[in-house]
N, C-alpha and C. Protein backbone atom coordinates (compact mmCIF):
# COMPACT_ATOMS: atom_id res chain seq x y z
N MET A 1 27.53 7.43 72.12
CA MET A 1 27.35 8.32 70.93
C MET A 1 26.33 9.36 71.28
N THR A 2 26.68 10.64 70.90
CA THR A 2 25.75 11.73 71.12
C THR A 2 24.71 11.78 70.02
N GLY A 3 23.64 12.54 70.29
CA GLY A 3 22.56 12.73 69.33
C GLY A 3 23.02 13.31 68.00
N GLN A 4 23.94 14.21 67.98
CA GLN A 4 24.42 14.84 66.80
C GLN A 4 25.24 13.77 65.99
N ASN A 5 26.08 12.98 66.61
CA ASN A 5 26.87 12.04 65.86
C ASN A 5 25.99 10.97 65.19
N LYS A 6 24.98 10.57 65.96
CA LYS A 6 24.03 9.57 65.40
C LYS A 6 23.38 10.08 64.17
N VAL A 7 22.87 11.27 64.16
CA VAL A 7 22.19 11.93 63.08
C VAL A 7 23.20 11.96 61.88
N LYS A 8 24.35 12.43 62.07
CA LYS A 8 25.42 12.50 61.05
C LYS A 8 25.68 11.08 60.41
N GLN A 9 25.82 10.07 61.21
CA GLN A 9 26.02 8.76 60.69
C GLN A 9 24.86 8.23 59.95
N GLU A 10 23.64 8.52 60.35
CA GLU A 10 22.48 8.12 59.60
C GLU A 10 22.49 8.77 58.13
N HIS A 11 22.97 9.94 58.11
CA HIS A 11 22.95 10.68 56.79
C HIS A 11 24.17 10.31 55.96
N MET A 12 25.20 9.87 56.56
CA MET A 12 26.53 9.62 55.80
C MET A 12 26.68 8.10 55.70
N SER A 13 25.83 7.49 54.82
CA SER A 13 25.95 6.03 54.67
C SER A 13 26.94 5.84 53.53
N ASP A 14 27.38 4.60 53.19
CA ASP A 14 28.27 4.25 52.20
C ASP A 14 27.67 4.19 50.80
N GLU A 15 26.34 4.07 50.69
CA GLU A 15 25.70 3.99 49.44
C GLU A 15 25.77 5.44 48.61
N PRO A 16 25.98 5.34 47.37
CA PRO A 16 26.08 6.56 46.55
C PRO A 16 24.81 7.38 46.59
N MET A 17 24.80 8.65 46.36
CA MET A 17 23.79 9.56 46.34
C MET A 17 22.73 9.11 45.37
N ARG A 18 23.05 8.61 44.18
CA ARG A 18 22.08 8.38 43.18
C ARG A 18 21.22 7.18 43.58
N SER A 19 21.73 6.25 44.43
CA SER A 19 20.94 5.14 44.72
C SER A 19 19.98 5.40 45.83
N ARG A 20 20.03 6.56 46.52
CA ARG A 20 19.19 6.91 47.54
C ARG A 20 17.82 7.49 46.90
N LYS A 21 16.73 7.39 47.65
CA LYS A 21 15.49 7.91 47.08
C LYS A 21 15.55 9.39 47.01
N ARG A 22 15.13 9.92 45.92
CA ARG A 22 15.12 11.46 45.73
C ARG A 22 13.92 12.02 46.32
N PRO A 23 13.98 13.24 46.81
CA PRO A 23 12.84 13.93 47.28
C PRO A 23 11.83 14.11 46.19
N GLU A 24 10.54 14.33 46.58
CA GLU A 24 9.43 14.50 45.69
C GLU A 24 9.72 15.62 44.65
N TRP A 25 10.23 16.73 45.14
CA TRP A 25 10.44 17.84 44.24
C TRP A 25 11.61 17.77 43.33
N ALA A 26 12.43 16.79 43.41
CA ALA A 26 13.63 16.66 42.58
C ALA A 26 13.33 16.42 41.13
N ALA A 27 12.28 15.65 40.89
CA ALA A 27 11.89 15.43 39.36
C ALA A 27 11.46 16.66 38.78
N GLY A 28 10.66 17.50 39.48
CA GLY A 28 10.18 18.73 38.91
C GLY A 28 11.40 19.73 38.73
N LEU A 29 12.23 19.78 39.63
CA LEU A 29 13.35 20.62 39.51
C LEU A 29 14.30 20.26 38.29
N ARG A 30 14.46 18.93 38.19
CA ARG A 30 15.30 18.30 36.99
C ARG A 30 14.64 18.73 35.73
N GLN A 31 13.24 18.63 35.63
CA GLN A 31 12.53 18.82 34.35
C GLN A 31 12.65 20.41 34.10
N LEU A 32 12.55 21.25 35.04
CA LEU A 32 12.73 22.78 34.90
C LEU A 32 14.13 23.00 34.36
N TYR A 33 15.16 22.49 35.01
CA TYR A 33 16.49 22.67 34.55
C TYR A 33 16.74 22.27 33.09
N ASP A 34 16.30 21.00 32.72
CA ASP A 34 16.43 20.55 31.46
C ASP A 34 15.74 21.42 30.37
N SER A 35 14.55 22.02 30.80
CA SER A 35 13.84 22.85 29.81
C SER A 35 14.56 24.23 29.60
N VAL A 36 15.19 24.63 30.59
CA VAL A 36 15.99 25.96 30.56
C VAL A 36 17.30 25.71 29.70
N VAL A 37 17.85 24.57 29.90
CA VAL A 37 19.11 24.26 29.15
C VAL A 37 18.82 24.02 27.66
N GLU A 38 17.63 23.52 27.25
CA GLU A 38 17.21 23.25 25.87
C GLU A 38 16.76 24.56 25.22
N GLU A 39 16.54 25.65 25.92
CA GLU A 39 16.01 26.83 25.28
C GLU A 39 17.08 27.37 24.34
N PRO A 40 16.72 27.95 23.24
CA PRO A 40 17.66 28.43 22.28
C PRO A 40 18.20 29.78 22.81
N LEU A 41 19.40 30.05 22.36
CA LEU A 41 20.08 31.26 22.76
C LEU A 41 19.43 32.49 22.06
N PRO A 42 19.05 33.53 22.81
CA PRO A 42 18.40 34.61 22.08
C PRO A 42 19.29 35.25 21.02
N ASP A 43 18.76 35.72 19.96
CA ASP A 43 19.61 36.36 18.84
C ASP A 43 20.36 37.48 19.32
N THR A 44 19.80 38.33 20.20
CA THR A 44 20.62 39.46 20.71
C THR A 44 21.83 39.06 21.44
N PHE A 45 21.66 37.95 22.24
CA PHE A 45 22.84 37.49 22.99
C PHE A 45 23.85 36.87 22.00
N SER A 46 23.42 36.15 21.12
CA SER A 46 24.28 35.48 20.09
C SER A 46 25.07 36.60 19.31
N ASP A 47 24.33 37.69 18.92
CA ASP A 47 24.96 38.80 18.22
C ASP A 47 25.97 39.45 19.10
N LEU A 48 25.68 39.62 20.40
CA LEU A 48 26.70 40.23 21.15
C LEU A 48 27.96 39.44 21.48
N LEU A 49 27.80 38.17 21.47
CA LEU A 49 29.00 37.20 21.63
C LEU A 49 29.80 37.28 20.28
N SER A 50 29.07 37.33 19.15
CA SER A 50 29.84 37.45 17.80
C SER A 50 30.63 38.83 17.79
N LYS A 51 30.12 39.88 18.35
CA LYS A 51 30.78 41.17 18.34
C LYS A 51 32.08 41.04 19.18
N PHE A 52 31.92 40.42 20.28
CA PHE A 52 33.11 40.24 21.16
C PHE A 52 34.17 39.35 20.45
N ASP A 53 33.74 38.38 19.77
CA ASP A 53 34.73 37.47 19.10
C ASP A 53 35.37 38.16 17.99
N ASP A 54 34.65 39.05 17.21
CA ASP A 54 35.20 39.84 16.18
C ASP A 54 36.22 40.81 16.71
N LYS A 55 35.96 41.52 17.82
CA LYS A 55 36.93 42.32 18.42
C LYS A 55 38.17 41.68 18.82
N ASP A 56 37.98 40.51 19.49
CA ASP A 56 39.16 39.67 19.96
C ASP A 56 40.05 39.22 18.72
N ASP A 57 39.36 38.87 17.64
CA ASP A 57 40.18 38.40 16.33
C ASP A 57 40.86 39.55 15.83
N SER A 58 40.11 40.74 15.62
CA SER A 58 40.80 41.92 15.01
C SER A 58 41.88 42.46 15.82
N ALA A 59 41.84 42.35 17.11
CA ALA A 59 42.87 42.86 18.07
C ALA A 59 44.13 41.98 17.83
N MET A 60 43.87 40.70 17.80
CA MET A 60 44.95 39.76 17.69
C MET A 60 45.69 39.88 16.31
N VAL A 61 44.98 40.09 15.31
CA VAL A 61 45.48 40.34 13.94
C VAL A 61 46.31 41.62 13.91
N ALA A 62 45.80 42.61 14.54
CA ALA A 62 46.50 43.96 14.61
C ALA A 62 47.75 43.76 15.43
N GLY A 63 47.73 42.97 16.48
CA GLY A 63 48.89 42.75 17.28
C GLY A 63 49.89 41.73 16.73
N GLY A 64 49.56 41.14 15.65
CA GLY A 64 50.45 40.07 14.98
C GLY A 64 50.40 38.79 15.75
N GLN A 65 49.37 38.50 16.46
CA GLN A 65 49.24 37.28 17.15
C GLN A 65 48.21 36.37 16.52
N SER A 66 48.44 35.08 16.59
CA SER A 66 47.41 34.15 16.19
C SER A 66 46.82 33.50 17.28
N ARG A 67 45.55 33.21 17.30
CA ARG A 67 44.86 32.66 18.47
C ARG A 67 44.71 31.10 18.26
N SER A 68 45.23 30.37 19.12
CA SER A 68 45.03 28.95 19.05
C SER A 68 44.16 28.44 20.19
N SER A 69 43.53 27.29 20.02
CA SER A 69 42.59 26.85 20.96
C SER A 69 43.13 26.54 22.39
N ASP A 70 44.44 26.37 22.47
CA ASP A 70 45.06 26.08 23.77
C ASP A 70 45.68 27.21 24.45
N GLN A 71 45.54 28.42 23.73
CA GLN A 71 46.15 29.64 24.18
C GLN A 71 44.91 30.47 24.97
N ALA A 72 45.21 30.93 26.10
CA ALA A 72 44.24 31.68 26.84
C ALA A 72 44.10 33.13 26.03
N PRO A 73 42.95 33.72 26.03
CA PRO A 73 42.86 35.09 25.50
C PRO A 73 43.60 36.08 26.44
N PRO A 74 44.02 37.14 25.78
CA PRO A 74 44.84 38.10 26.47
C PRO A 74 44.00 38.82 27.65
N ARG A 75 44.58 39.10 28.74
CA ARG A 75 43.73 39.79 29.88
C ARG A 75 44.02 41.28 29.80
N GLY A 76 43.07 42.06 30.46
CA GLY A 76 43.21 43.48 30.46
C GLY A 76 44.27 43.97 31.45
N LYS A 77 44.51 45.23 31.66
CA LYS A 77 45.48 45.76 32.53
C LYS A 77 45.34 45.41 33.94
N GLY A 78 44.09 45.18 34.41
CA GLY A 78 43.90 44.84 35.90
C GLY A 78 44.12 43.44 36.25
N ALA A 79 44.30 42.61 35.28
CA ALA A 79 44.35 41.09 35.58
C ALA A 79 45.79 40.66 35.91
């Protein structure tokens, strides 16, 4: 067995990733990620999304289409 193969086999054990010991920085990274996910959506971004939704809805009504949850939104000319 060569040195590279031995290193690969040491890192590729059968035990799942979750049961392995996590690096020291993993808990801090997870805490940072969770704090970002829990941040509220800024009002300006929420307003922008609402404008896009309103434009999509009015375009569909003008085109005589109804939007269902399983129907993909229409694509532009380049798609």
